[in-house]
Protein backbone atom coordinates (compact mmCIF):
# COMPACT_ATOMS: atom_id res chain seq x y z
CA MET A 1 -5.34 10.11 11.53
CA ARG A 2 -4.91 6.33 11.44
CA SER A 3 -2.99 4.64 14.25
CA THR A 4 -2.09 0.97 14.63
CA LEU A 5 -0.15 -0.53 17.54
CA ALA A 6 1.32 -4.00 17.12
CA VAL A 7 3.07 -5.64 20.08
CA ALA A 8 3.99 -9.33 20.20
CA VAL A 9 5.56 -11.45 22.95
CA TRP A 10 7.18 -14.75 21.90
CA ALA A 11 9.27 -15.86 24.92
CA ALA A 12 6.77 -18.37 26.29
CA LEU A 13 6.07 -19.84 22.86
CA GLY A 14 9.80 -20.21 22.15
CA ALA A 15 10.47 -21.99 25.46
CA ALA A 16 7.64 -24.44 24.88
CA ALA A 17 8.87 -25.22 21.38
CA LEU A 18 12.42 -25.91 22.56
CA GLY A 19 11.16 -28.16 25.37
CA GLN A 20 9.36 -30.35 22.83
CA GLY A 21 12.42 -30.57 20.55
CA MET A 22 10.83 -28.39 17.93
CA ALA A 23 12.62 -25.69 15.99
CA PRO A 24 12.18 -22.25 17.56
CA PRO A 25 9.76 -19.92 15.79
CA HIS A 26 11.00 -17.12 13.56
CA PRO A 27 11.99 -13.95 15.41
CA ALA A 28 9.01 -11.76 16.09
CA PRO A 29 8.72 -8.60 14.03
CA ALA A 30 9.55 -5.45 15.91
CA PRO A 31 6.45 -3.88 17.45
CA THR A 32 5.60 -0.62 15.71
CA VAL A 33 3.14 2.23 15.66
CA GLU A 34 2.00 3.78 12.36
CA VAL A 35 0.68 7.34 12.21
CA SER A 36 -0.34 9.73 9.40
CA ALA A 37 -0.90 13.49 9.52
CA THR A 38 -1.04 16.47 7.17
CA GLY A 39 1.40 19.30 7.78
CA THR A 40 0.82 22.75 6.31
CA PHE A 41 2.70 25.95 5.61
CA GLN A 42 1.02 29.19 4.56
CA SER A 43 2.60 32.30 3.14
CA ALA A 44 1.65 35.31 1.08
CA PRO A 45 3.01 34.95 -2.47
CA ASP A 46 6.12 36.95 -3.22
CA THR A 47 6.04 36.83 -7.03
CA ALA A 48 3.41 37.64 -9.66
CA VAL A 49 4.04 36.05 -13.06
CA VAL A 50 2.41 38.10 -15.84
CA GLN A 51 1.81 36.09 -19.02
CA PHE A 52 1.66 37.43 -22.57
CA GLU A 53 0.91 35.52 -25.77
CA ILE A 54 1.34 37.14 -29.15
CA SER A 55 -0.28 35.67 -32.24
CA GLY A 56 0.29 37.06 -35.75
CA LYS A 57 -1.81 35.73 -38.64
CA ASN A 58 -1.54 36.39 -42.36
CA ALA A 59 -1.73 34.63 -45.69
CA GLN A 60 2.00 35.28 -46.12
CA MET A 61 4.52 33.99 -43.59
CA LYS A 62 6.60 37.18 -43.73
CA ALA A 63 3.52 39.31 -43.02
CA ALA A 64 2.46 37.05 -40.15
CA TYR A 65 5.94 37.38 -38.65
CA ALA A 66 5.77 41.17 -39.05
CA ASP A 67 2.40 41.21 -37.26
CA ALA A 68 3.90 39.26 -34.35
CA GLN A 69 6.85 41.66 -34.22
CA ARG A 70 4.48 44.63 -34.09
CA GLN A 71 2.58 43.14 -31.16
CA ALA A 72 5.83 42.29 -29.37
CA GLU A 73 6.92 45.92 -29.69
CA GLN A 74 3.59 46.98 -28.15
CA VAL A 75 4.39 44.82 -25.12
CA ARG A 76 7.93 46.23 -24.85
CA THR A 77 6.56 49.78 -25.06
CA LEU A 78 4.04 49.02 -22.31
CA LEU A 79 6.80 47.66 -20.08
CA ARG A 80 8.97 50.75 -20.63
CA GLN A 81 6.07 53.04 -19.80
CA GLN A 82 5.42 51.15 -16.57
CA GLY A 83 9.03 51.23 -15.42
CA PHE A 84 10.10 47.72 -16.44
CA ALA A 85 13.16 46.98 -18.52
CA PRO A 86 11.99 45.27 -21.74
CA GLU A 87 14.64 42.59 -21.26
CA ALA A 88 12.96 41.65 -17.95
CA ALA A 89 10.33 39.80 -19.99
CA HIS A 90 11.36 36.28 -20.92
CA TRP A 91 10.35 35.49 -24.50
CA SER A 92 9.90 31.84 -25.42
CA SER A 93 7.81 29.25 -27.26
CA TYR A 94 8.25 30.75 -30.72
CA ARG A 95 6.08 28.74 -33.13
CA THR A 96 5.15 29.03 -36.80
CA GLN A 97 2.13 27.00 -37.84
CA PRO A 98 0.63 26.64 -41.34
CA ASP A 99 -3.14 27.16 -41.47
CA TRP A 100 -5.00 24.70 -43.67
CA ASP A 101 -8.46 24.72 -45.15
CA TYR A 102 -9.11 21.01 -44.80
CA LYS A 103 -12.33 21.12 -46.81
CA GLN A 104 -10.47 22.41 -49.85
CA ASN A 105 -7.17 20.83 -48.82
CA ARG A 106 -5.11 23.95 -49.33
CA LEU A 107 -2.82 26.24 -47.37
CA VAL A 108 -4.57 29.52 -46.49
CA GLY A 109 -2.02 31.25 -44.28
CA TYR A 110 0.35 31.15 -41.32
CA THR A 111 0.15 31.81 -37.57
CA VAL A 112 3.24 32.98 -35.69
CA THR A 113 2.93 32.64 -31.91
CA VAL A 114 5.32 33.90 -29.24
CA SER A 115 4.92 33.70 -25.44
CA ALA A 116 6.45 35.97 -22.81
CA THR A 117 6.46 36.04 -19.01
CA LEU A 118 7.31 38.87 -16.64
CA GLU A 119 8.05 38.28 -12.95
CA VAL A 120 6.91 41.12 -10.70
CA SER A 121 8.02 41.19 -7.06
CA ASP A 122 6.79 44.72 -6.33
CA PHE A 123 3.01 44.25 -6.27
CA ALA A 124 2.50 48.03 -6.24
CA LYS A 125 3.48 47.97 -9.94
CA LEU A 126 1.07 45.20 -10.84
CA GLY A 127 -2.17 47.19 -10.73
CA PRO A 128 -0.95 50.06 -12.95
CA LEU A 129 0.50 47.53 -15.43
CA LEU A 130 -2.81 45.68 -15.80
CA ASP A 131 -4.75 48.93 -15.93
CA ALA A 132 -2.53 50.30 -18.71
CA ALA A 133 -2.82 47.06 -20.69
CA GLY A 134 -6.61 47.30 -20.47
CA SER A 135 -6.70 50.98 -21.40
CA GLU A 136 -4.62 50.35 -24.51
CA GLY A 137 -6.66 47.29 -25.52
CA LEU A 138 -3.61 45.04 -25.36
CA THR A 139 -5.14 41.65 -26.10
CA SER A 140 -1.84 39.76 -25.77
CA LEU A 141 -2.13 39.82 -21.96
CA ARG A 142 -3.23 36.33 -20.98
CA GLY A 143 -3.12 36.14 -17.19
CA VAL A 144 -1.37 36.51 -13.85
CA ASN A 145 -0.23 33.71 -11.55
CA PHE A 146 0.86 34.27 -7.96
CA GLU A 147 3.72 32.10 -6.73
CA LEU A 148 6.32 31.59 -4.03
CA LYS A 149 9.85 32.07 -5.30
CA ASN A 150 11.38 29.68 -2.77
CA MET A 151 8.92 26.80 -2.96
CA ASP A 152 11.49 24.29 -1.67
CA ALA A 153 11.67 26.09 1.68
CA ALA A 154 7.86 26.11 1.91
CA LYS A 155 7.72 22.35 1.22
CA SER A 156 10.35 21.68 3.88
CA ALA A 157 8.35 23.69 6.42
CA ALA A 158 5.17 21.72 5.60
CA ILE A 159 7.03 18.41 5.94
CA ALA A 160 8.48 19.49 9.29
CA ASP A 161 4.99 20.37 10.52
CA GLY A 162 3.67 16.99 9.38
CA TYR A 163 6.49 15.11 11.10
CA ARG A 164 5.96 17.05 14.32
CA GLN A 165 2.32 15.93 14.32
CA VAL A 166 3.02 12.25 13.64
CA ARG A 167 5.75 12.19 16.30
CA GLN A 168 3.34 13.72 18.82
CA GLU A 169 0.52 11.31 17.96
CA ALA A 170 2.80 8.28 18.02
CA GLY A 171 4.15 9.30 21.42
CA ALA A 172 0.64 9.74 22.81
CA LEU A 173 -0.39 6.30 21.55
CA ALA A 174 2.74 4.63 22.93
CA ARG A 175 2.20 6.22 26.34
CA ALA A 176 -1.41 5.06 26.34
CA ALA A 177 -0.18 1.51 25.68
CA GLY A 178 2.47 1.76 28.40
CA VAL A 179 5.46 1.25 26.09
CA PRO A 180 8.32 3.58 25.16
CA LEU A 181 8.45 5.20 21.74
CA ASP A 182 11.68 4.31 19.93
CA GLY A 183 13.19 5.57 16.68
CA LEU A 184 11.71 6.17 13.25
CA VAL A 185 11.55 3.01 11.11
CA ARG A 186 10.27 4.46 7.82
CA ALA A 187 8.27 7.37 6.45
CA THR A 188 6.61 8.57 3.25
CA VAL A 189 5.76 12.12 2.19
CA ASP A 190 3.33 13.49 -0.41
CA VAL A 191 3.54 17.26 -0.96
CA SER A 192 0.99 19.46 -2.75
CA SER A 193 0.57 23.20 -3.11
CA GLY A 194 -2.20 25.55 -4.10
CA GLY A 195 -2.85 29.26 -4.28
CA ILE A 196 -4.91 31.94 -5.89
CA ARG A 197 -4.41 32.33 -9.65
CA PRO A 198 -6.59 35.14 -11.00
CA MET A 199 -6.59 35.07 -14.78
CA VAL A 200 -7.00 37.96 -17.21
CA MET A 201 -8.06 36.68 -20.63
CA GLY A 202 -7.43 38.45 -23.93
CA ALA A 203 -10.29 40.70 -25.08
CA MET A 204 -11.81 40.68 -21.58
CA VAL A 205 -9.09 43.12 -20.49
CA ARG A 206 -10.98 46.12 -21.84
CA SER A 207 -14.10 45.44 -19.78
CA MET A 208 -12.30 44.64 -16.53
CA PRO A 209 -13.12 46.57 -13.34
CA PRO A 210 -10.43 48.94 -12.03
CA ALA A 211 -7.13 47.15 -11.52
CA PRO A 212 -5.83 46.33 -8.02
CA THR A 213 -4.05 49.19 -6.27
CA GLU A 214 -0.86 49.10 -4.26
CA GLU A 215 -2.95 47.96 -1.27
CA PHE A 216 -3.88 44.78 -3.14
CA THR A 217 -2.79 41.59 -1.34
CA PRO A 218 -3.44 38.18 -2.94
CA GLN A 219 -4.67 35.20 -1.02
CA GLU A 220 -2.07 33.15 0.83
CA ILE A 221 -0.56 30.11 -0.80
CA THR A 222 -0.92 26.87 1.18
CA VAL A 223 1.59 24.04 0.87
CA SER A 224 0.51 20.68 2.34
CA ALA A 225 2.58 17.60 3.12
CA ARG A 226 0.95 14.27 3.94
CA VAL A 227 3.42 12.45 6.22
CA SER A 228 3.03 8.77 7.09
CA ALA A 229 5.56 7.41 9.59
CA THR A 230 6.28 4.14 11.35
CA PHE A 231 8.03 4.16 14.74
CA ALA A 232 9.41 1.25 16.73
CA VAL A 233 7.97 0.89 20.24
CA GLY A 234 8.74 -1.05 23.40
CA ARG A 235 12.26 -2.18 22.52
CA GLY A 236 14.62 0.57 23.64
CA ARG A 237 14.88 3.31 26.21
CA GLY A 238 12.36 5.38 24.31
CA GLU A 239 12.53 8.89 22.99
CA PRO A 240 12.20 11.94 25.24
């Protein structure tokens, strides 16, 4: 924490200047106290985002597309078997890319790539899903991220915690200086978040240890908010 207290008294200087026929000095800046603190909010994640990436390759574009379709149907079948509606997966990022042999400067084939994400709120289903993907050698599974669905509420809670700390520290400093703490003059906020993001990569799925069970609980996600605030002091009745 960094605290700075600035108090200035100009009455005597102003009176002397007027007595000598000089122009009065500029009004003194309001005395202030500046305080910084980091507020935090912690919560267990409520959503697991399962990521799939399908990649079909072939010398012919139609065959590459058919390969991607086949892999997509494997993912849909897996979801049905594990109690998920296939339409629950969000398919996106469809891309077709020509593959070039730059040494011979010729087209050698095509790669068709499609990404899909599945949001899982019931973590008891997550372990069996990953286990089944590994058992079937499904290499399109790319990873799992744990998130908070309502991140805005978490950020607000972290900011509130940061403001509570700066208000408390500013009040303590003002009391130590013998002046009342007045209202907030300005403030800045910098919010960051972090959490556990275990990744499951492609061919590694087959050699994974047993998948998490329904007792599995991921690490808490921490949201931090760096709050810097400036309060006026010594001018009003003070804050309670």
